[in-house]
mmCIF file of all heavy atoms, coordinates in Angstrom:
data_MODEL
# 
_entry.id   MODEL 
# 
loop_
_atom_site.group_PDB 
_atom_site.id 
_atom_site.type_symbol 
_atom_site.label_atom_id 
_atom_site.label_alt_id 
_atom_site.label_comp_id 
_atom_site.label_asym_id 
_atom_site.label_entity_id 
_atom_site.label_seq_id 
_atom_site.pdbx_PDB_ins_code 
_atom_site.Cartn_x 
_atom_site.Cartn_y 
_atom_site.Cartn_z 
_atom_site.occupancy 
_atom_site.B_iso_or_equiv 
_atom_site.pdbx_formal_charge 
_atom_site.auth_seq_id 
_atom_site.auth_comp_id 
_atom_site.auth_asym_id 
_atom_site.auth_atom_id 
_atom_site.pdbx_PDB_model_num 
ATOM 1   N N   . LEU A 1 1  ? 0.859   -1.197  0.041   1.00 0.00 ? 1  LEU A N   1 
ATOM 2   C CA  . LEU A 1 1  ? 0.040   -0.002  0.007   1.00 0.00 ? 1  LEU A CA  1 
ATOM 3   C C   . LEU A 1 1  ? 0.808   1.277   0.042   1.00 0.00 ? 1  LEU A C   1 
ATOM 4   O O   . LEU A 1 1  ? 0.561   2.263   -0.683  1.00 0.00 ? 1  LEU A O   1 
ATOM 5   C CB  . LEU A 1 1  ? -0.895  -0.098  1.230   1.00 0.00 ? 1  LEU A CB  1 
ATOM 6   C CG  . LEU A 1 1  ? -2.032  -1.028  1.273   1.00 0.00 ? 1  LEU A CG  1 
ATOM 7   C CD1 . LEU A 1 1  ? -2.849  -0.941  2.605   1.00 0.00 ? 1  LEU A CD1 1 
ATOM 8   C CD2 . LEU A 1 1  ? -2.986  -0.876  0.167   1.00 0.00 ? 1  LEU A CD2 1 
ATOM 9   N N   . ARG A 1 2  ? 1.958   1.174   0.750   1.00 0.00 ? 2  ARG A N   1 
ATOM 10  C CA  . ARG A 1 2  ? 2.787   2.355   0.944   1.00 0.00 ? 2  ARG A CA  1 
ATOM 11  C C   . ARG A 1 2  ? 3.561   2.682   -0.437  1.00 0.00 ? 2  ARG A C   1 
ATOM 12  O O   . ARG A 1 2  ? 3.570   3.711   -0.947  1.00 0.00 ? 2  ARG A O   1 
ATOM 13  C CB  . ARG A 1 2  ? 3.789   2.182   2.078   1.00 0.00 ? 2  ARG A CB  1 
ATOM 14  C CG  . ARG A 1 2  ? 4.755   3.345   2.369   1.00 0.00 ? 2  ARG A CG  1 
ATOM 15  C CD  . ARG A 1 2  ? 5.391   3.192   3.681   1.00 0.00 ? 2  ARG A CD  1 
ATOM 16  N NE  . ARG A 1 2  ? 6.369   1.992   3.489   1.00 0.00 ? 2  ARG A NE  1 
ATOM 17  C CZ  . ARG A 1 2  ? 6.095   0.838   4.153   1.00 0.00 ? 2  ARG A CZ  1 
ATOM 18  N NH1 . ARG A 1 2  ? 5.117   0.663   4.947   1.00 0.00 ? 2  ARG A NH1 1 
ATOM 19  N NH2 . ARG A 1 2  ? 7.077   -0.124  4.052   1.00 0.00 ? 2  ARG A NH2 1 
ATOM 20  N N   . GLU A 1 3  ? 4.043   1.571   -1.004  1.00 0.00 ? 3  GLU A N   1 
ATOM 21  C CA  . GLU A 1 3  ? 4.749   1.690   -2.316  1.00 0.00 ? 3  GLU A CA  1 
ATOM 22  C C   . GLU A 1 3  ? 3.795   2.179   -3.434  1.00 0.00 ? 3  GLU A C   1 
ATOM 23  O O   . GLU A 1 3  ? 4.188   2.851   -4.249  1.00 0.00 ? 3  GLU A O   1 
ATOM 24  C CB  . GLU A 1 3  ? 5.486   0.382   -2.648  1.00 0.00 ? 3  GLU A CB  1 
ATOM 25  C CG  . GLU A 1 3  ? 6.634   -0.068  -1.666  1.00 0.00 ? 3  GLU A CG  1 
ATOM 26  C CD  . GLU A 1 3  ? 7.654   1.030   -1.675  1.00 0.00 ? 3  GLU A CD  1 
ATOM 27  O OE1 . GLU A 1 3  ? 8.144   1.438   -2.720  1.00 0.00 ? 3  GLU A OE1 1 
ATOM 28  O OE2 . GLU A 1 3  ? 7.994   1.506   -0.571  1.00 0.00 ? 3  GLU A OE2 1 
ATOM 29  N N   . HIS A 1 4  ? 2.598   1.602   -3.287  1.00 0.00 ? 4  HIS A N   1 
ATOM 30  C CA  . HIS A 1 4  ? 1.540   1.999   -4.293  1.00 0.00 ? 4  HIS A CA  1 
ATOM 31  C C   . HIS A 1 4  ? 1.344   3.443   -4.208  1.00 0.00 ? 4  HIS A C   1 
ATOM 32  O O   . HIS A 1 4  ? 1.155   4.096   -5.248  1.00 0.00 ? 4  HIS A O   1 
ATOM 33  C CB  . HIS A 1 4  ? 0.346   1.158   -4.034  1.00 0.00 ? 4  HIS A CB  1 
ATOM 34  C CG  . HIS A 1 4  ? -0.513  0.989   -5.156  1.00 0.00 ? 4  HIS A CG  1 
ATOM 35  N ND1 . HIS A 1 4  ? -1.941  1.242   -5.148  1.00 0.00 ? 4  HIS A ND1 1 
ATOM 36  C CD2 . HIS A 1 4  ? -0.334  0.546   -6.512  1.00 0.00 ? 4  HIS A CD2 1 
ATOM 37  C CE1 . HIS A 1 4  ? -2.536  1.044   -6.364  1.00 0.00 ? 4  HIS A CE1 1 
ATOM 38  N NE2 . HIS A 1 4  ? -1.514  0.535   -7.133  1.00 0.00 ? 4  HIS A NE2 1 
ATOM 39  N N   . GLN A 1 5  ? 1.204   3.965   -2.968  1.00 0.00 ? 5  GLN A N   1 
ATOM 40  C CA  . GLN A 1 5  ? 0.932   5.397   -2.824  1.00 0.00 ? 5  GLN A CA  1 
ATOM 41  C C   . GLN A 1 5  ? 2.108   6.231   -3.335  1.00 0.00 ? 5  GLN A C   1 
ATOM 42  O O   . GLN A 1 5  ? 2.000   7.349   -3.866  1.00 0.00 ? 5  GLN A O   1 
ATOM 43  C CB  . GLN A 1 5  ? 0.811   5.754   -1.321  1.00 0.00 ? 5  GLN A CB  1 
ATOM 44  C CG  . GLN A 1 5  ? -0.680  5.531   -0.842  1.00 0.00 ? 5  GLN A CG  1 
ATOM 45  C CD  . GLN A 1 5  ? -1.576  6.622   -1.146  1.00 0.00 ? 5  GLN A CD  1 
ATOM 46  O OE1 . GLN A 1 5  ? -1.177  7.766   -1.386  1.00 0.00 ? 5  GLN A OE1 1 
ATOM 47  N NE2 . GLN A 1 5  ? -2.924  6.285   -1.009  1.00 0.00 ? 5  GLN A NE2 1 
ATOM 48  N N   . LEU A 1 6  ? 3.326   5.678   -3.193  1.00 0.00 ? 6  LEU A N   1 
ATOM 49  C CA  . LEU A 1 6  ? 4.557   6.402   -3.626  1.00 0.00 ? 6  LEU A CA  1 
ATOM 50  C C   . LEU A 1 6  ? 4.710   6.265   -5.116  1.00 0.00 ? 6  LEU A C   1 
ATOM 51  O O   . LEU A 1 6  ? 5.716   6.938   -5.636  1.00 0.00 ? 6  LEU A O   1 
ATOM 52  C CB  . LEU A 1 6  ? 5.792   5.846   -2.842  1.00 0.00 ? 6  LEU A CB  1 
ATOM 53  C CG  . LEU A 1 6  ? 5.745   6.141   -1.393  1.00 0.00 ? 6  LEU A CG  1 
ATOM 54  C CD1 . LEU A 1 6  ? 6.933   5.477   -0.750  1.00 0.00 ? 6  LEU A CD1 1 
ATOM 55  C CD2 . LEU A 1 6  ? 5.834   7.674   -1.093  1.00 0.00 ? 6  LEU A CD2 1 
ATOM 56  N N   . GLY A 1 7  ? 3.853   5.575   -5.838  1.00 0.00 ? 7  GLY A N   1 
ATOM 57  C CA  . GLY A 1 7  ? 3.946   5.509   -7.240  1.00 0.00 ? 7  GLY A CA  1 
ATOM 58  C C   . GLY A 1 7  ? 4.905   4.298   -7.754  1.00 0.00 ? 7  GLY A C   1 
ATOM 59  O O   . GLY A 1 7  ? 5.166   4.308   -8.972  1.00 0.00 ? 7  GLY A O   1 
ATOM 60  N N   . ALA A 1 8  ? 5.320   3.464   -6.836  1.00 0.00 ? 8  ALA A N   1 
ATOM 61  C CA  . ALA A 1 8  ? 6.187   2.364   -7.357  1.00 0.00 ? 8  ALA A CA  1 
ATOM 62  C C   . ALA A 1 8  ? 5.411   1.322   -8.166  1.00 0.00 ? 8  ALA A C   1 
ATOM 63  O O   . ALA A 1 8  ? 4.227   1.116   -7.695  1.00 0.00 ? 8  ALA A O   1 
ATOM 64  C CB  . ALA A 1 8  ? 6.964   1.710   -6.141  1.00 0.00 ? 8  ALA A CB  1 
ATOM 65  N N   . GLU A 1 9  ? 6.074   0.610   -9.005  1.00 0.00 ? 9  GLU A N   1 
ATOM 66  C CA  . GLU A 1 9  ? 5.376   -0.478  -9.655  1.00 0.00 ? 9  GLU A CA  1 
ATOM 67  C C   . GLU A 1 9  ? 5.431   -1.776  -8.845  1.00 0.00 ? 9  GLU A C   1 
ATOM 68  O O   . GLU A 1 9  ? 6.472   -2.152  -8.210  1.00 0.00 ? 9  GLU A O   1 
ATOM 69  C CB  . GLU A 1 9  ? 6.201   -0.858  -10.960 1.00 0.00 ? 9  GLU A CB  1 
ATOM 70  C CG  . GLU A 1 9  ? 5.528   -1.985  -11.722 1.00 0.00 ? 9  GLU A CG  1 
ATOM 71  C CD  . GLU A 1 9  ? 6.296   -2.297  -13.072 1.00 0.00 ? 9  GLU A CD  1 
ATOM 72  O OE1 . GLU A 1 9  ? 7.148   -1.579  -13.373 1.00 0.00 ? 9  GLU A OE1 1 
ATOM 73  O OE2 . GLU A 1 9  ? 5.907   -3.211  -13.671 1.00 0.00 ? 9  GLU A OE2 1 
ATOM 74  N N   . ILE A 1 10 ? 4.293   -2.307  -8.568  1.00 0.00 ? 10 ILE A N   1 
ATOM 75  C CA  . ILE A 1 10 ? 4.031   -3.502  -7.719  1.00 0.00 ? 10 ILE A CA  1 
ATOM 76  C C   . ILE A 1 10 ? 4.203   -4.700  -8.566  1.00 0.00 ? 10 ILE A C   1 
ATOM 77  O O   . ILE A 1 10 ? 3.465   -4.915  -9.518  1.00 0.00 ? 10 ILE A O   1 
ATOM 78  C CB  . ILE A 1 10 ? 2.691   -3.494  -7.013  1.00 0.00 ? 10 ILE A CB  1 
ATOM 79  C CG1 . ILE A 1 10 ? 2.525   -2.040  -6.289  1.00 0.00 ? 10 ILE A CG1 1 
ATOM 80  C CG2 . ILE A 1 10 ? 2.637   -4.608  -6.057  1.00 0.00 ? 10 ILE A CG2 1 
ATOM 81  C CD1 . ILE A 1 10 ? 3.575   -1.775  -5.213  1.00 0.00 ? 10 ILE A CD1 1 
ATOM 82  N N   . THR A 1 11 ? 5.183   -5.515  -8.212  1.00 0.00 ? 11 THR A N   1 
ATOM 83  C CA  . THR A 1 11 ? 5.505   -6.778  -9.129  1.00 0.00 ? 11 THR A CA  1 
ATOM 84  C C   . THR A 1 11 ? 5.094   -8.061  -8.434  1.00 0.00 ? 11 THR A C   1 
ATOM 85  O O   . THR A 1 11 ? 5.219   -9.109  -9.035  1.00 0.00 ? 11 THR A O   1 
ATOM 86  C CB  . THR A 1 11 ? 6.976   -6.735  -9.421  1.00 0.00 ? 11 THR A CB  1 
ATOM 87  O OG1 . THR A 1 11 ? 7.714   -6.752  -8.192  1.00 0.00 ? 11 THR A OG1 1 
ATOM 88  C CG2 . THR A 1 11 ? 7.308   -5.482  -10.264 1.00 0.00 ? 11 THR A CG2 1 
ATOM 89  N N   . ALA A 1 12 ? 4.706   -7.983  -7.194  1.00 0.00 ? 12 ALA A N   1 
ATOM 90  C CA  . ALA A 1 12 ? 4.269   -9.247  -6.608  1.00 0.00 ? 12 ALA A CA  1 
ATOM 91  C C   . ALA A 1 12 ? 2.866   -8.975  -5.674  1.00 0.00 ? 12 ALA A C   1 
ATOM 92  O O   . ALA A 1 12 ? 2.708   -7.824  -5.218  1.00 0.00 ? 12 ALA A O   1 
ATOM 93  C CB  . ALA A 1 12 ? 5.374   -9.727  -5.693  1.00 0.00 ? 12 ALA A CB  1 
ATOM 94  N N   . GLY A 1 13 ? 2.229   -10.006 -5.401  1.00 0.00 ? 13 GLY A N   1 
ATOM 95  C CA  . GLY A 1 13 ? 1.076   -9.879  -4.628  1.00 0.00 ? 13 GLY A CA  1 
ATOM 96  C C   . GLY A 1 13 ? -0.235  -9.505  -5.471  1.00 0.00 ? 13 GLY A C   1 
ATOM 97  O O   . GLY A 1 13 ? -0.171  -9.405  -6.652  1.00 0.00 ? 13 GLY A O   1 
ATOM 98  N N   . PRO A 1 14 ? -1.327  -9.301  -4.813  1.00 0.00 ? 14 PRO A N   1 
ATOM 99  C CA  . PRO A 1 14 ? -2.580  -9.014  -5.451  1.00 0.00 ? 14 PRO A CA  1 
ATOM 100 C C   . PRO A 1 14 ? -2.668  -7.765  -6.339  1.00 0.00 ? 14 PRO A C   1 
ATOM 101 O O   . PRO A 1 14 ? -3.374  -7.657  -7.301  1.00 0.00 ? 14 PRO A O   1 
ATOM 102 C CB  . PRO A 1 14 ? -3.625  -8.884  -4.254  1.00 0.00 ? 14 PRO A CB  1 
ATOM 103 C CG  . PRO A 1 14 ? -3.016  -9.606  -3.127  1.00 0.00 ? 14 PRO A CG  1 
ATOM 104 C CD  . PRO A 1 14 ? -1.513  -9.438  -3.308  1.00 0.00 ? 14 PRO A CD  1 
ATOM 105 N N   . LEU A 1 15 ? -1.722  -6.835  -6.019  1.00 0.00 ? 15 LEU A N   1 
ATOM 106 C CA  . LEU A 1 15 ? -1.782  -5.520  -6.770  1.00 0.00 ? 15 LEU A CA  1 
ATOM 107 C C   . LEU A 1 15 ? -0.808  -5.662  -8.130  1.00 0.00 ? 15 LEU A C   1 
ATOM 108 O O   . LEU A 1 15 ? -0.804  -4.757  -8.908  1.00 0.00 ? 15 LEU A O   1 
ATOM 109 C CB  . LEU A 1 15 ? -1.265  -4.350  -5.986  1.00 0.00 ? 15 LEU A CB  1 
ATOM 110 C CG  . LEU A 1 15 ? -2.202  -3.809  -4.990  1.00 0.00 ? 15 LEU A CG  1 
ATOM 111 C CD1 . LEU A 1 15 ? -1.560  -2.663  -4.125  1.00 0.00 ? 15 LEU A CD1 1 
ATOM 112 C CD2 . LEU A 1 15 ? -3.405  -3.221  -5.709  1.00 0.00 ? 15 LEU A CD2 1 
ATOM 113 N N   . SER A 1 16 ? -0.171  -6.711  -8.207  1.00 0.00 ? 16 SER A N   1 
ATOM 114 C CA  . SER A 1 16 ? 0.796   -6.899  -9.274  1.00 0.00 ? 16 SER A CA  1 
ATOM 115 C C   . SER A 1 16 ? 0.093   -6.699  -10.622 1.00 0.00 ? 16 SER A C   1 
ATOM 116 O O   . SER A 1 16 ? -0.984  -7.328  -10.868 1.00 0.00 ? 16 SER A O   1 
ATOM 117 C CB  . SER A 1 16 ? 1.402   -8.305  -9.209  1.00 0.00 ? 16 SER A CB  1 
ATOM 118 O OG  . SER A 1 16 ? 2.280   -8.568  -10.292 1.00 0.00 ? 16 SER A OG  1 
ATOM 119 N N   . GLY A 1 17 ? 0.764   -5.906  -11.428 1.00 0.00 ? 17 GLY A N   1 
ATOM 120 C CA  . GLY A 1 17 ? 0.243   -5.777  -12.788 1.00 0.00 ? 17 GLY A CA  1 
ATOM 121 C C   . GLY A 1 17 ? -0.838  -4.797  -12.990 1.00 0.00 ? 17 GLY A C   1 
ATOM 122 O O   . GLY A 1 17 ? -1.300  -4.606  -14.114 1.00 0.00 ? 17 GLY A O   1 
ATOM 123 N N   . PHE A 1 18 ? -1.232  -4.159  -11.923 1.00 0.00 ? 18 PHE A N   1 
ATOM 124 C CA  . PHE A 1 18 ? -2.422  -3.082  -12.135 1.00 0.00 ? 18 PHE A CA  1 
ATOM 125 C C   . PHE A 1 18 ? -1.808  -1.706  -11.919 1.00 0.00 ? 18 PHE A C   1 
ATOM 126 O O   . PHE A 1 18 ? -1.200  -1.335  -10.961 1.00 0.00 ? 18 PHE A O   1 
ATOM 127 C CB  . PHE A 1 18 ? -3.484  -3.455  -10.993 1.00 0.00 ? 18 PHE A CB  1 
ATOM 128 C CG  . PHE A 1 18 ? -4.652  -2.485  -11.225 1.00 0.00 ? 18 PHE A CG  1 
ATOM 129 C CD1 . PHE A 1 18 ? -5.671  -2.882  -12.124 1.00 0.00 ? 18 PHE A CD1 1 
ATOM 130 C CD2 . PHE A 1 18 ? -4.814  -1.289  -10.553 1.00 0.00 ? 18 PHE A CD2 1 
ATOM 131 C CE1 . PHE A 1 18 ? -6.753  -2.082  -12.385 1.00 0.00 ? 18 PHE A CE1 1 
ATOM 132 C CE2 . PHE A 1 18 ? -5.993  -0.471  -10.805 1.00 0.00 ? 18 PHE A CE2 1 
ATOM 133 C CZ  . PHE A 1 18 ? -6.898  -0.885  -11.636 1.00 0.00 ? 18 PHE A CZ  1 
ATOM 134 N N   . HIS A 1 19 ? -2.080  -0.885  -12.953 1.00 0.00 ? 19 HIS A N   1 
ATOM 135 C CA  . HIS A 1 19 ? -1.590  0.510   -12.890 1.00 0.00 ? 19 HIS A CA  1 
ATOM 136 C C   . HIS A 1 19 ? -2.710  1.453   -12.347 1.00 0.00 ? 19 HIS A C   1 
ATOM 137 O O   . HIS A 1 19 ? -3.916  1.430   -12.848 1.00 0.00 ? 19 HIS A O   1 
ATOM 138 C CB  . HIS A 1 19 ? -1.192  1.036   -14.218 1.00 0.00 ? 19 HIS A CB  1 
ATOM 139 C CG  . HIS A 1 19 ? -0.837  2.463   -14.198 1.00 0.00 ? 19 HIS A CG  1 
ATOM 140 N ND1 . HIS A 1 19 ? 0.289   2.991   -13.696 1.00 0.00 ? 19 HIS A ND1 1 
ATOM 141 C CD2 . HIS A 1 19 ? -1.451  3.558   -14.741 1.00 0.00 ? 19 HIS A CD2 1 
ATOM 142 C CE1 . HIS A 1 19 ? 0.374   4.227   -13.780 1.00 0.00 ? 19 HIS A CE1 1 
ATOM 143 N NE2 . HIS A 1 19 ? -0.724  4.717   -14.472 1.00 0.00 ? 19 HIS A NE2 1 
ATOM 144 N N   . TYR A 1 20 ? -2.369  2.124   -11.365 1.00 0.00 ? 20 TYR A N   1 
ATOM 145 C CA  . TYR A 1 20 ? -3.374  2.968   -10.692 1.00 0.00 ? 20 TYR A CA  1 
ATOM 146 C C   . TYR A 1 20 ? -2.797  4.322   -10.390 1.00 0.00 ? 20 TYR A C   1 
ATOM 147 O O   . TYR A 1 20 ? -1.775  4.361   -9.587  1.00 0.00 ? 20 TYR A O   1 
ATOM 148 C CB  . TYR A 1 20 ? -3.850  2.298   -9.364  1.00 0.00 ? 20 TYR A CB  1 
ATOM 149 C CG  . TYR A 1 20 ? -5.046  3.042   -8.746  1.00 0.00 ? 20 TYR A CG  1 
ATOM 150 C CD1 . TYR A 1 20 ? -6.305  2.781   -9.079  1.00 0.00 ? 20 TYR A CD1 1 
ATOM 151 C CD2 . TYR A 1 20 ? -4.875  3.874   -7.570  1.00 0.00 ? 20 TYR A CD2 1 
ATOM 152 C CE1 . TYR A 1 20 ? -7.407  3.435   -8.387  1.00 0.00 ? 20 TYR A CE1 1 
ATOM 153 C CE2 . TYR A 1 20 ? -5.823  4.573   -6.970  1.00 0.00 ? 20 TYR A CE2 1 
ATOM 154 C CZ  . TYR A 1 20 ? -7.189  4.328   -7.317  1.00 0.00 ? 20 TYR A CZ  1 
ATOM 155 O OH  . TYR A 1 20 ? -8.225  4.980   -6.727  1.00 0.00 ? 20 TYR A OH  1 
ATOM 156 N N   . ASP A 1 21 ? -3.178  5.395   -10.896 1.00 0.00 ? 21 ASP A N   1 
ATOM 157 C CA  . ASP A 1 21 ? -2.745  6.695   -10.719 1.00 0.00 ? 21 ASP A CA  1 
ATOM 158 C C   . ASP A 1 21 ? -3.551  7.450   -9.555  1.00 0.00 ? 21 ASP A C   1 
ATOM 159 O O   . ASP A 1 21 ? -4.637  7.804   -9.897  1.00 0.00 ? 21 ASP A O   1 
ATOM 160 C CB  . ASP A 1 21 ? -2.828  7.582   -11.943 1.00 0.00 ? 21 ASP A CB  1 
ATOM 161 C CG  . ASP A 1 21 ? -2.169  8.900   -11.916 1.00 0.00 ? 21 ASP A CG  1 
ATOM 162 O OD1 . ASP A 1 21 ? -1.807  9.269   -10.730 1.00 0.00 ? 21 ASP A OD1 1 
ATOM 163 O OD2 . ASP A 1 21 ? -1.947  9.595   -13.001 1.00 0.00 ? 21 ASP A OD2 1 
ATOM 164 N N   . HIS A 1 22 ? -2.889  7.504   -8.389  1.00 0.00 ? 22 HIS A N   1 
ATOM 165 C CA  . HIS A 1 22 ? -3.570  8.029   -7.297  1.00 0.00 ? 22 HIS A CA  1 
ATOM 166 C C   . HIS A 1 22 ? -4.026  9.494   -7.392  1.00 0.00 ? 22 HIS A C   1 
ATOM 167 O O   . HIS A 1 22 ? -4.863  10.064  -6.912  1.00 0.00 ? 22 HIS A O   1 
ATOM 168 C CB  . HIS A 1 22 ? -2.709  7.909   -6.020  1.00 0.00 ? 22 HIS A CB  1 
ATOM 169 C CG  . HIS A 1 22 ? -2.710  6.536   -5.448  1.00 0.00 ? 22 HIS A CG  1 
ATOM 170 N ND1 . HIS A 1 22 ? -3.566  6.102   -4.539  1.00 0.00 ? 22 HIS A ND1 1 
ATOM 171 C CD2 . HIS A 1 22 ? -1.796  5.552   -5.711  1.00 0.00 ? 22 HIS A CD2 1 
ATOM 172 C CE1 . HIS A 1 22 ? -3.279  4.833   -4.229  1.00 0.00 ? 22 HIS A CE1 1 
ATOM 173 N NE2 . HIS A 1 22 ? -2.174  4.426   -4.887  1.00 0.00 ? 22 HIS A NE2 1 
ATOM 174 N N   . ASP A 1 23 ? -3.226  10.197  -8.281  1.00 0.00 ? 23 ASP A N   1 
ATOM 175 C CA  . ASP A 1 23 ? -3.381  11.566  -8.481  1.00 0.00 ? 23 ASP A CA  1 
ATOM 176 C C   . ASP A 1 23 ? -4.685  11.929  -9.550  1.00 0.00 ? 23 ASP A C   1 
ATOM 177 O O   . ASP A 1 23 ? -5.210  13.040  -9.434  1.00 0.00 ? 23 ASP A O   1 
ATOM 178 C CB  . ASP A 1 23 ? -2.202  12.282  -9.177  1.00 0.00 ? 23 ASP A CB  1 
ATOM 179 C CG  . ASP A 1 23 ? -1.008  12.274  -8.091  1.00 0.00 ? 23 ASP A CG  1 
ATOM 180 O OD1 . ASP A 1 23 ? -1.271  12.224  -6.864  1.00 0.00 ? 23 ASP A OD1 1 
ATOM 181 O OD2 . ASP A 1 23 ? 0.155   12.250  -8.536  1.00 0.00 ? 23 ASP A OD2 1 
ATOM 182 N N   . THR A 1 24 ? -5.073  10.936  -10.239 1.00 0.00 ? 24 THR A N   1 
ATOM 183 C CA  . THR A 1 24 ? -6.092  11.118  -11.123 1.00 0.00 ? 24 THR A CA  1 
ATOM 184 C C   . THR A 1 24 ? -7.375  10.197  -11.001 1.00 0.00 ? 24 THR A C   1 
ATOM 185 O O   . THR A 1 24 ? -8.430  10.518  -11.474 1.00 0.00 ? 24 THR A O   1 
ATOM 186 C CB  . THR A 1 24 ? -5.594  11.093  -12.627 1.00 0.00 ? 24 THR A CB  1 
ATOM 187 O OG1 . THR A 1 24 ? -5.138  9.729   -12.824 1.00 0.00 ? 24 THR A OG1 1 
ATOM 188 C CG2 . THR A 1 24 ? -4.487  12.058  -12.861 1.00 0.00 ? 24 THR A CG2 1 
ATOM 189 N N   . ALA A 1 25 ? -7.183  9.137   -10.270 1.00 0.00 ? 25 ALA A N   1 
ATOM 190 C CA  . ALA A 1 25 ? -8.182  8.133   -10.161 1.00 0.00 ? 25 ALA A CA  1 
ATOM 191 C C   . ALA A 1 25 ? -9.492  8.647   -9.586  1.00 0.00 ? 25 ALA A C   1 
ATOM 192 O O   . ALA A 1 25 ? -10.610 8.162   -9.984  1.00 0.00 ? 25 ALA A O   1 
ATOM 193 C CB  . ALA A 1 25 ? -7.684  6.881   -9.366  1.00 0.00 ? 25 ALA A CB  1 
ATOM 194 N N   . ALA A 1 26 ? -9.388  9.593   -8.737  1.00 0.00 ? 26 ALA A N   1 
ATOM 195 C CA  . ALA A 1 26 ? -10.588 10.063  -8.112  1.00 0.00 ? 26 ALA A CA  1 
ATOM 196 C C   . ALA A 1 26 ? -11.183 11.262  -8.783  1.00 0.00 ? 26 ALA A C   1 
ATOM 197 O O   . ALA A 1 26 ? -12.226 11.748  -8.354  1.00 0.00 ? 26 ALA A O   1 
ATOM 198 C CB  . ALA A 1 26 ? -10.283 10.559  -6.574  1.00 0.00 ? 26 ALA A CB  1 
ATOM 199 N N   . GLY A 1 27 ? -10.628 11.556  -9.929  1.00 0.00 ? 27 GLY A N   1 
ATOM 200 C CA  . GLY A 1 27 ? -11.203 12.661  -10.814 1.00 0.00 ? 27 GLY A CA  1 
ATOM 201 C C   . GLY A 1 27 ? -10.686 14.097  -10.542 1.00 0.00 ? 27 GLY A C   1 
ATOM 202 O O   . GLY A 1 27 ? -11.244 14.999  -11.192 1.00 0.00 ? 27 GLY A O   1 
# 
């Protein structure tokens, strides 16, 4: 979660392979 917030690419676990831009996802 922390790495995801920091914009790092997640390569393992349930978030692996999903791109999510925290700065734009909420509109």
